N, C-alpha and C. Protein backbone atom coordinates (compact mmCIF):
# COMPACT_ATOMS: atom_id res chain seq x y z
N MET A 1 25.92 -6.21 -0.35
CA MET A 1 25.08 -7.02 0.49
C MET A 1 25.18 -6.51 1.93
N GLU A 2 24.01 -6.35 2.58
CA GLU A 2 23.99 -5.85 3.95
C GLU A 2 24.27 -6.98 4.93
N PRO A 3 24.92 -6.67 6.06
CA PRO A 3 25.18 -7.71 7.06
C PRO A 3 23.87 -8.17 7.69
N ARG A 4 23.88 -9.38 8.16
CA ARG A 4 22.71 -9.97 8.80
C ARG A 4 22.41 -9.24 10.11
N THR A 5 21.14 -8.90 10.34
CA THR A 5 20.77 -8.16 11.55
C THR A 5 20.07 -9.03 12.57
N GLU A 6 19.80 -10.30 12.23
CA GLU A 6 19.14 -11.19 13.17
C GLU A 6 20.13 -11.63 14.25
N PRO A 7 19.63 -11.88 15.46
CA PRO A 7 20.54 -12.35 16.51
C PRO A 7 21.07 -13.74 16.17
N VAL A 8 22.29 -14.00 16.55
CA VAL A 8 22.90 -15.29 16.29
C VAL A 8 23.05 -16.03 17.61
N ASP A 9 22.61 -17.27 17.64
CA ASP A 9 22.73 -18.11 18.82
C ASP A 9 23.60 -19.31 18.45
N SER A 10 24.79 -19.38 19.01
CA SER A 10 25.72 -20.44 18.64
C SER A 10 25.27 -21.81 19.09
N ASP A 11 24.27 -21.87 19.99
CA ASP A 11 23.77 -23.16 20.47
C ASP A 11 22.70 -23.75 19.56
N VAL A 12 22.26 -23.02 18.53
CA VAL A 12 21.18 -23.46 17.66
C VAL A 12 21.77 -24.03 16.37
N ASP A 13 21.36 -25.24 16.06
CA ASP A 13 21.73 -25.86 14.78
C ASP A 13 20.60 -25.57 13.79
N LEU A 14 20.83 -24.69 12.82
CA LEU A 14 19.79 -24.28 11.88
C LEU A 14 19.34 -25.41 10.95
N HIS A 15 20.02 -26.54 10.98
CA HIS A 15 19.61 -27.68 10.17
C HIS A 15 18.55 -28.51 10.87
N VAL A 16 18.30 -28.22 12.14
CA VAL A 16 17.27 -28.93 12.91
C VAL A 16 16.05 -28.02 13.03
N PRO A 17 14.91 -28.40 12.39
CA PRO A 17 13.73 -27.52 12.38
C PRO A 17 13.27 -27.06 13.76
N ALA A 18 13.28 -27.94 14.74
CA ALA A 18 12.83 -27.56 16.08
C ALA A 18 13.72 -26.48 16.69
N GLU A 19 15.01 -26.54 16.40
CA GLU A 19 15.93 -25.54 16.94
C GLU A 19 15.86 -24.22 16.18
N ARG A 20 15.48 -24.25 14.90
CA ARG A 20 15.35 -23.00 14.13
C ARG A 20 14.30 -22.09 14.73
N ARG A 21 13.26 -22.68 15.30
CA ARG A 21 12.16 -21.90 15.88
C ARG A 21 12.56 -21.15 17.15
N GLU A 22 13.67 -21.55 17.77
CA GLU A 22 14.11 -20.93 19.02
C GLU A 22 14.37 -19.43 18.88
N GLY A 23 14.91 -19.01 17.77
CA GLY A 23 15.29 -17.61 17.58
C GLY A 23 14.14 -16.69 17.21
N ARG A 24 13.00 -17.25 16.88
CA ARG A 24 11.84 -16.44 16.48
C ARG A 24 11.05 -15.98 17.69
N PRO A 25 10.56 -14.76 17.66
CA PRO A 25 9.72 -14.32 18.78
C PRO A 25 8.38 -15.05 18.75
N SER A 26 7.83 -15.29 19.90
CA SER A 26 6.54 -15.96 20.01
C SER A 26 5.42 -15.06 19.48
N PRO A 27 4.46 -15.62 18.75
CA PRO A 27 3.35 -14.81 18.27
C PRO A 27 2.30 -14.54 19.35
N TRP A 28 2.37 -15.24 20.48
CA TRP A 28 1.31 -15.14 21.49
C TRP A 28 1.14 -13.75 22.09
N PRO A 29 2.17 -13.00 22.38
CA PRO A 29 1.93 -11.65 22.89
C PRO A 29 1.16 -10.77 21.90
N VAL A 30 1.48 -10.89 20.62
CA VAL A 30 0.79 -10.10 19.60
C VAL A 30 -0.66 -10.56 19.48
N LEU A 31 -0.88 -11.86 19.43
CA LEU A 31 -2.25 -12.38 19.32
C LEU A 31 -3.08 -12.02 20.54
N THR A 32 -2.47 -12.04 21.70
CA THR A 32 -3.17 -11.66 22.93
C THR A 32 -3.53 -10.17 22.90
N ALA A 33 -2.60 -9.34 22.44
CA ALA A 33 -2.87 -7.90 22.35
C ALA A 33 -4.01 -7.62 21.37
N ILE A 34 -4.00 -8.28 20.22
CA ILE A 34 -5.07 -8.09 19.23
C ILE A 34 -6.41 -8.54 19.81
N SER A 35 -6.41 -9.69 20.46
CA SER A 35 -7.66 -10.22 21.02
C SER A 35 -8.22 -9.31 22.11
N ALA A 36 -7.38 -8.88 23.03
CA ALA A 36 -7.84 -8.00 24.11
C ALA A 36 -8.34 -6.68 23.55
N GLY A 37 -7.60 -6.12 22.60
CA GLY A 37 -8.04 -4.87 21.98
C GLY A 37 -9.33 -5.04 21.20
N GLY A 38 -9.45 -6.15 20.50
CA GLY A 38 -10.67 -6.42 19.73
C GLY A 38 -11.90 -6.50 20.61
N VAL A 39 -11.77 -7.13 21.76
CA VAL A 39 -12.89 -7.21 22.70
C VAL A 39 -13.31 -5.80 23.13
N LEU A 40 -12.33 -4.98 23.50
CA LEU A 40 -12.65 -3.62 23.94
C LEU A 40 -13.30 -2.80 22.83
N GLY A 41 -12.75 -2.89 21.61
CA GLY A 41 -13.31 -2.15 20.49
C GLY A 41 -14.72 -2.59 20.14
N ALA A 42 -14.93 -3.90 20.12
CA ALA A 42 -16.26 -4.42 19.78
C ALA A 42 -17.30 -4.05 20.85
N LEU A 43 -16.90 -4.08 22.11
CA LEU A 43 -17.82 -3.67 23.18
C LEU A 43 -18.18 -2.20 23.07
N ALA A 44 -17.20 -1.37 22.75
CA ALA A 44 -17.48 0.07 22.57
C ALA A 44 -18.43 0.29 21.40
N ARG A 45 -18.21 -0.42 20.30
CA ARG A 45 -19.10 -0.30 19.14
C ARG A 45 -20.51 -0.76 19.50
N TYR A 46 -20.63 -1.88 20.16
CA TYR A 46 -21.94 -2.41 20.55
C TYR A 46 -22.69 -1.39 21.42
N GLY A 47 -21.99 -0.82 22.40
CA GLY A 47 -22.62 0.17 23.27
C GLY A 47 -23.08 1.39 22.49
N PHE A 48 -22.24 1.86 21.59
CA PHE A 48 -22.58 3.03 20.77
C PHE A 48 -23.81 2.74 19.91
N GLN A 49 -23.88 1.55 19.32
CA GLN A 49 -25.02 1.21 18.47
C GLN A 49 -26.30 0.99 19.28
N GLN A 50 -26.17 0.61 20.54
CA GLN A 50 -27.36 0.46 21.38
C GLN A 50 -27.93 1.82 21.77
N VAL A 51 -27.06 2.80 21.95
CA VAL A 51 -27.50 4.14 22.32
C VAL A 51 -28.14 4.85 21.13
N PHE A 52 -27.65 4.59 19.92
CA PHE A 52 -28.15 5.26 18.72
C PHE A 52 -28.65 4.25 17.68
N PRO A 53 -29.78 3.58 17.96
CA PRO A 53 -30.29 2.59 17.00
C PRO A 53 -30.91 3.28 15.78
N HIS A 54 -31.10 2.51 14.72
CA HIS A 54 -31.75 3.03 13.51
C HIS A 54 -32.59 1.93 12.88
N GLY A 55 -33.58 2.33 12.12
CA GLY A 55 -34.43 1.38 11.40
C GLY A 55 -33.80 1.00 10.07
N PRO A 56 -34.34 -0.02 9.39
CA PRO A 56 -33.77 -0.52 8.15
C PRO A 56 -33.70 0.51 7.01
N GLY A 57 -34.61 1.45 6.94
CA GLY A 57 -34.60 2.43 5.86
C GLY A 57 -34.00 3.76 6.24
N GLU A 58 -33.47 3.86 7.44
CA GLU A 58 -32.91 5.12 7.93
C GLU A 58 -31.39 5.16 7.75
N PHE A 59 -30.85 6.37 7.72
CA PHE A 59 -29.40 6.56 7.67
C PHE A 59 -28.81 6.01 8.97
N ALA A 60 -27.82 5.16 8.89
CA ALA A 60 -27.22 4.50 10.06
C ALA A 60 -26.18 5.42 10.69
N TRP A 61 -26.65 6.41 11.44
CA TRP A 61 -25.74 7.40 12.00
C TRP A 61 -24.73 6.81 12.97
N ALA A 62 -25.15 5.81 13.75
CA ALA A 62 -24.20 5.21 14.71
C ALA A 62 -23.05 4.54 13.97
N THR A 63 -23.35 3.72 12.98
CA THR A 63 -22.30 3.04 12.23
C THR A 63 -21.45 4.04 11.47
N PHE A 64 -22.08 5.05 10.91
CA PHE A 64 -21.35 6.11 10.21
C PHE A 64 -20.37 6.79 11.17
N GLY A 65 -20.85 7.19 12.34
CA GLY A 65 -19.99 7.86 13.33
C GLY A 65 -18.87 6.96 13.83
N ILE A 66 -19.17 5.69 14.02
CA ILE A 66 -18.16 4.73 14.47
C ILE A 66 -17.06 4.61 13.43
N ASN A 67 -17.45 4.41 12.18
CA ASN A 67 -16.45 4.20 11.13
C ASN A 67 -15.61 5.46 10.86
N VAL A 68 -16.25 6.60 10.85
CA VAL A 68 -15.51 7.84 10.58
C VAL A 68 -14.59 8.18 11.76
N SER A 69 -15.08 8.09 12.98
CA SER A 69 -14.23 8.40 14.13
C SER A 69 -13.12 7.36 14.27
N GLY A 70 -13.43 6.10 13.99
CA GLY A 70 -12.39 5.06 14.03
C GLY A 70 -11.30 5.31 13.01
N CYS A 71 -11.69 5.74 11.81
CA CYS A 71 -10.69 6.04 10.77
C CYS A 71 -9.85 7.26 11.15
N LEU A 72 -10.47 8.26 11.74
CA LEU A 72 -9.72 9.43 12.22
C LEU A 72 -8.69 9.00 13.25
N LEU A 73 -9.11 8.15 14.19
CA LEU A 73 -8.19 7.67 15.23
C LEU A 73 -7.10 6.77 14.66
N ILE A 74 -7.39 6.02 13.61
CA ILE A 74 -6.36 5.21 12.96
C ILE A 74 -5.30 6.13 12.36
N GLY A 75 -5.72 7.23 11.74
CA GLY A 75 -4.76 8.20 11.21
C GLY A 75 -3.88 8.79 12.31
N VAL A 76 -4.49 9.13 13.43
CA VAL A 76 -3.73 9.66 14.58
C VAL A 76 -2.76 8.61 15.08
N LEU A 77 -3.25 7.39 15.25
CA LEU A 77 -2.41 6.31 15.77
C LEU A 77 -1.22 6.02 14.87
N MET A 78 -1.44 5.96 13.57
CA MET A 78 -0.34 5.65 12.66
C MET A 78 0.73 6.76 12.68
N ALA A 79 0.30 8.00 12.82
CA ALA A 79 1.27 9.09 12.93
C ALA A 79 2.06 8.97 14.24
N LEU A 80 1.38 8.66 15.32
CA LEU A 80 2.07 8.51 16.61
C LEU A 80 3.03 7.33 16.59
N ILE A 81 2.61 6.23 15.99
CA ILE A 81 3.49 5.06 15.92
C ILE A 81 4.73 5.39 15.09
N THR A 82 4.54 6.10 14.00
CA THR A 82 5.67 6.45 13.13
C THR A 82 6.62 7.41 13.80
N GLU A 83 6.11 8.43 14.48
CA GLU A 83 6.94 9.50 15.03
C GLU A 83 7.34 9.31 16.49
N ARG A 84 6.47 8.75 17.30
CA ARG A 84 6.72 8.69 18.74
C ARG A 84 7.03 7.30 19.28
N TRP A 85 6.35 6.28 18.75
CA TRP A 85 6.48 4.94 19.31
C TRP A 85 6.92 3.92 18.26
N PRO A 86 7.97 4.18 17.51
CA PRO A 86 8.32 3.26 16.42
C PRO A 86 8.77 1.87 16.88
N GLY A 87 9.31 1.73 18.06
CA GLY A 87 9.85 0.45 18.48
C GLY A 87 8.96 -0.35 19.42
N ARG A 88 7.76 0.09 19.62
CA ARG A 88 6.87 -0.60 20.57
C ARG A 88 6.08 -1.68 19.84
N ARG A 89 6.43 -2.90 20.09
CA ARG A 89 5.93 -4.05 19.32
C ARG A 89 4.42 -4.26 19.45
N LEU A 90 3.81 -3.96 20.58
CA LEU A 90 2.41 -4.31 20.80
C LEU A 90 1.43 -3.15 20.65
N VAL A 91 1.91 -1.94 20.41
CA VAL A 91 1.01 -0.79 20.31
C VAL A 91 0.10 -0.92 19.09
N ARG A 92 0.67 -1.16 17.92
CA ARG A 92 -0.13 -1.27 16.70
C ARG A 92 -1.09 -2.46 16.76
N PRO A 93 -0.63 -3.66 17.17
CA PRO A 93 -1.59 -4.77 17.25
C PRO A 93 -2.73 -4.51 18.24
N PHE A 94 -2.40 -3.95 19.41
CA PHE A 94 -3.44 -3.72 20.41
C PHE A 94 -4.40 -2.61 19.99
N LEU A 95 -3.85 -1.43 19.70
CA LEU A 95 -4.72 -0.28 19.40
C LEU A 95 -5.24 -0.29 17.97
N GLY A 96 -4.37 -0.54 17.00
CA GLY A 96 -4.76 -0.46 15.59
C GLY A 96 -5.61 -1.63 15.14
N VAL A 97 -5.04 -2.83 15.23
CA VAL A 97 -5.76 -4.02 14.77
C VAL A 97 -6.85 -4.40 15.75
N GLY A 98 -6.54 -4.37 17.04
CA GLY A 98 -7.49 -4.80 18.05
C GLY A 98 -8.59 -3.80 18.33
N VAL A 99 -8.25 -2.73 19.06
CA VAL A 99 -9.29 -1.78 19.50
C VAL A 99 -9.99 -1.13 18.31
N LEU A 100 -9.22 -0.50 17.42
CA LEU A 100 -9.86 0.22 16.32
C LEU A 100 -10.41 -0.73 15.25
N GLY A 101 -9.76 -1.88 15.07
CA GLY A 101 -10.31 -2.89 14.16
C GLY A 101 -11.61 -3.48 14.68
N GLY A 102 -11.71 -3.66 15.99
CA GLY A 102 -12.95 -4.15 16.59
C GLY A 102 -14.02 -3.09 16.68
N PHE A 103 -13.61 -1.84 16.77
CA PHE A 103 -14.55 -0.73 16.87
C PHE A 103 -15.17 -0.40 15.52
N THR A 104 -14.34 -0.25 14.49
CA THR A 104 -14.89 0.06 13.17
C THR A 104 -15.59 -1.17 12.62
N THR A 105 -16.57 -0.94 11.76
CA THR A 105 -17.39 -2.06 11.29
C THR A 105 -17.89 -1.83 9.88
N PHE A 106 -17.03 -2.11 8.93
CA PHE A 106 -17.43 -1.93 7.55
C PHE A 106 -18.31 -3.08 7.06
N SER A 107 -18.34 -4.19 7.78
CA SER A 107 -19.28 -5.26 7.41
C SER A 107 -20.70 -4.83 7.78
N THR A 108 -20.87 -4.19 8.93
CA THR A 108 -22.20 -3.68 9.31
C THR A 108 -22.63 -2.57 8.35
N TYR A 109 -21.70 -1.78 7.90
CA TYR A 109 -21.96 -0.73 6.90
C TYR A 109 -22.61 -1.34 5.66
N VAL A 110 -22.07 -2.45 5.18
CA VAL A 110 -22.62 -3.12 3.99
C VAL A 110 -24.01 -3.67 4.29
N VAL A 111 -24.19 -4.26 5.46
CA VAL A 111 -25.51 -4.78 5.84
C VAL A 111 -26.51 -3.64 5.95
N ASP A 112 -26.11 -2.50 6.50
CA ASP A 112 -27.00 -1.34 6.59
C ASP A 112 -27.45 -0.88 5.20
N ILE A 113 -26.54 -0.88 4.24
CA ILE A 113 -26.89 -0.49 2.87
C ILE A 113 -27.88 -1.49 2.29
N GLN A 114 -27.61 -2.76 2.47
CA GLN A 114 -28.50 -3.81 1.97
C GLN A 114 -29.90 -3.68 2.59
N GLN A 115 -29.98 -3.43 3.88
CA GLN A 115 -31.27 -3.28 4.55
C GLN A 115 -32.01 -2.04 4.07
N ALA A 116 -31.29 -0.96 3.84
CA ALA A 116 -31.93 0.26 3.33
C ALA A 116 -32.50 0.01 1.93
N LEU A 117 -31.76 -0.69 1.10
CA LEU A 117 -32.25 -1.01 -0.25
C LEU A 117 -33.48 -1.91 -0.18
N ALA A 118 -33.44 -2.91 0.70
CA ALA A 118 -34.58 -3.83 0.86
C ALA A 118 -35.81 -3.10 1.39
N ALA A 119 -35.61 -2.03 2.16
CA ALA A 119 -36.72 -1.25 2.71
C ALA A 119 -37.22 -0.21 1.71
N GLY A 120 -36.61 -0.15 0.52
CA GLY A 120 -37.05 0.80 -0.50
C GLY A 120 -36.44 2.19 -0.35
N ALA A 121 -35.38 2.31 0.41
CA ALA A 121 -34.76 3.61 0.65
C ALA A 121 -33.44 3.70 -0.13
N ALA A 122 -33.55 3.65 -1.45
CA ALA A 122 -32.36 3.64 -2.30
C ALA A 122 -31.54 4.92 -2.15
N ARG A 123 -32.19 6.06 -2.04
CA ARG A 123 -31.45 7.32 -1.88
C ARG A 123 -30.66 7.35 -0.58
N THR A 124 -31.29 6.89 0.47
CA THR A 124 -30.60 6.82 1.75
C THR A 124 -29.42 5.87 1.66
N ALA A 125 -29.62 4.72 1.03
CA ALA A 125 -28.55 3.72 0.88
C ALA A 125 -27.37 4.31 0.09
N LEU A 126 -27.66 5.00 -1.01
CA LEU A 126 -26.59 5.60 -1.81
C LEU A 126 -25.88 6.73 -1.07
N ALA A 127 -26.65 7.56 -0.38
CA ALA A 127 -26.04 8.65 0.39
C ALA A 127 -25.12 8.08 1.47
N TYR A 128 -25.59 7.05 2.16
CA TYR A 128 -24.82 6.41 3.21
C TYR A 128 -23.57 5.75 2.64
N LEU A 129 -23.71 5.08 1.50
CA LEU A 129 -22.58 4.41 0.86
C LEU A 129 -21.47 5.40 0.54
N PHE A 130 -21.80 6.47 -0.16
CA PHE A 130 -20.78 7.43 -0.58
C PHE A 130 -20.29 8.31 0.57
N ALA A 131 -21.19 8.72 1.45
CA ALA A 131 -20.78 9.57 2.57
C ALA A 131 -19.80 8.85 3.49
N THR A 132 -20.04 7.57 3.73
CA THR A 132 -19.15 6.82 4.62
C THR A 132 -17.76 6.68 4.02
N VAL A 133 -17.68 6.31 2.74
CA VAL A 133 -16.37 6.14 2.11
C VAL A 133 -15.60 7.46 2.11
N LEU A 134 -16.25 8.52 1.69
CA LEU A 134 -15.57 9.83 1.64
C LEU A 134 -15.16 10.32 3.03
N ALA A 135 -16.08 10.22 3.99
CA ALA A 135 -15.78 10.71 5.33
C ALA A 135 -14.71 9.85 6.01
N ALA A 136 -14.72 8.53 5.78
CA ALA A 136 -13.71 7.66 6.38
C ALA A 136 -12.32 7.98 5.83
N LEU A 137 -12.22 8.14 4.51
CA LEU A 137 -10.92 8.50 3.92
C LEU A 137 -10.46 9.87 4.39
N LEU A 138 -11.37 10.81 4.46
CA LEU A 138 -11.03 12.14 4.96
C LEU A 138 -10.62 12.07 6.43
N GLY A 139 -11.27 11.19 7.19
CA GLY A 139 -10.93 11.02 8.60
C GLY A 139 -9.51 10.53 8.80
N VAL A 140 -9.11 9.50 8.04
CA VAL A 140 -7.74 8.98 8.14
C VAL A 140 -6.74 10.07 7.78
N TRP A 141 -6.99 10.74 6.66
CA TRP A 141 -6.07 11.80 6.20
C TRP A 141 -5.98 12.92 7.23
N THR A 142 -7.13 13.37 7.74
CA THR A 142 -7.15 14.46 8.71
C THR A 142 -6.42 14.06 10.00
N GLY A 143 -6.71 12.88 10.51
CA GLY A 143 -6.06 12.42 11.73
C GLY A 143 -4.55 12.36 11.59
N ALA A 144 -4.09 11.77 10.49
CA ALA A 144 -2.64 11.65 10.28
C ALA A 144 -2.00 13.01 10.05
N THR A 145 -2.61 13.83 9.20
CA THR A 145 -2.03 15.13 8.87
C THR A 145 -1.94 16.04 10.09
N LEU A 146 -3.02 16.16 10.83
CA LEU A 146 -3.01 17.04 12.00
C LEU A 146 -2.06 16.53 13.08
N THR A 147 -1.97 15.22 13.24
CA THR A 147 -1.06 14.67 14.25
C THR A 147 0.39 14.90 13.85
N PHE A 148 0.72 14.64 12.58
CA PHE A 148 2.09 14.91 12.13
C PHE A 148 2.45 16.38 12.33
N ARG A 149 1.54 17.27 11.99
CA ARG A 149 1.81 18.71 12.16
C ARG A 149 2.00 19.07 13.62
N ALA A 150 1.15 18.54 14.48
CA ALA A 150 1.25 18.83 15.91
C ALA A 150 2.56 18.30 16.48
N LEU A 151 2.97 17.14 16.05
CA LEU A 151 4.22 16.56 16.55
C LEU A 151 5.43 17.36 16.08
N ARG A 152 5.37 17.88 14.87
CA ARG A 152 6.48 18.67 14.34
C ARG A 152 6.63 19.99 15.06
N ARG A 153 5.56 20.55 15.56
CA ARG A 153 5.61 21.85 16.24
C ARG A 153 6.20 21.76 17.63
N ARG A 154 6.17 20.58 18.20
CA ARG A 154 6.70 20.42 19.55
C ARG A 154 8.21 20.37 19.50
N PRO A 155 8.88 21.17 20.31
CA PRO A 155 10.35 21.14 20.31
C PRO A 155 10.85 19.78 20.79
N GLY A 156 11.94 19.37 20.18
CA GLY A 156 12.56 18.11 20.59
C GLY A 156 11.94 16.89 19.95
N THR A 157 11.04 17.07 18.99
CA THR A 157 10.43 15.93 18.33
C THR A 157 11.44 15.28 17.40
N PRO A 158 11.74 14.01 17.62
CA PRO A 158 12.70 13.36 16.72
C PRO A 158 12.09 13.17 15.33
N ARG A 159 12.87 13.45 14.30
CA ARG A 159 12.41 13.27 12.92
C ARG A 159 13.25 12.20 12.28
N LYS A 160 12.59 11.32 11.58
CA LYS A 160 13.31 10.27 10.87
C LYS A 160 13.42 10.66 9.41
N ALA A 161 14.46 10.18 8.76
CA ALA A 161 14.63 10.46 7.33
C ALA A 161 13.46 9.88 6.57
N GLY A 162 12.91 10.66 5.66
CA GLY A 162 11.80 10.20 4.83
C GLY A 162 10.46 10.22 5.53
N ALA A 163 10.36 10.86 6.70
CA ALA A 163 9.10 10.91 7.42
C ALA A 163 8.10 11.76 6.68
N HIS A 164 6.84 11.60 7.04
CA HIS A 164 5.71 12.29 6.41
C HIS A 164 5.94 13.80 6.40
N ARG A 165 5.66 14.43 5.31
CA ARG A 165 5.86 15.88 5.19
C ARG A 165 4.56 16.59 5.09
């Protein structure tokens, strides 16, 4: 059995529910980071979609580009968090969940497919459906793989046991 790693406060009676909550970190910094990041990501997506609009039967290039680039950046971010910033509590909530979660838009992707089908553009809808899934998965893999490789080439990069190979 491993020793307990949680901090111990001798002034807290764990039998009193109100006092048990004292030792837990507040969720508000994380929720604030997610909210602030989400606003920034959603605004960036909105601006991108305003610059590159599309009709109901057309390939949704803006949404495609947003989702693929967002997935690539998620791969980069996860590699950086794993290798460079493992102990930073708010980086993943702010950048990953907030900014990139607000920027990427797989719900709009589904609506774009539905609109293309309703407009009679079944081929476009199918091409968009499969191209987005494949490119998004490739984006995450590429971002993570290239970032891990780049970090390993830099001298002095700390490596953790079991890290990505």
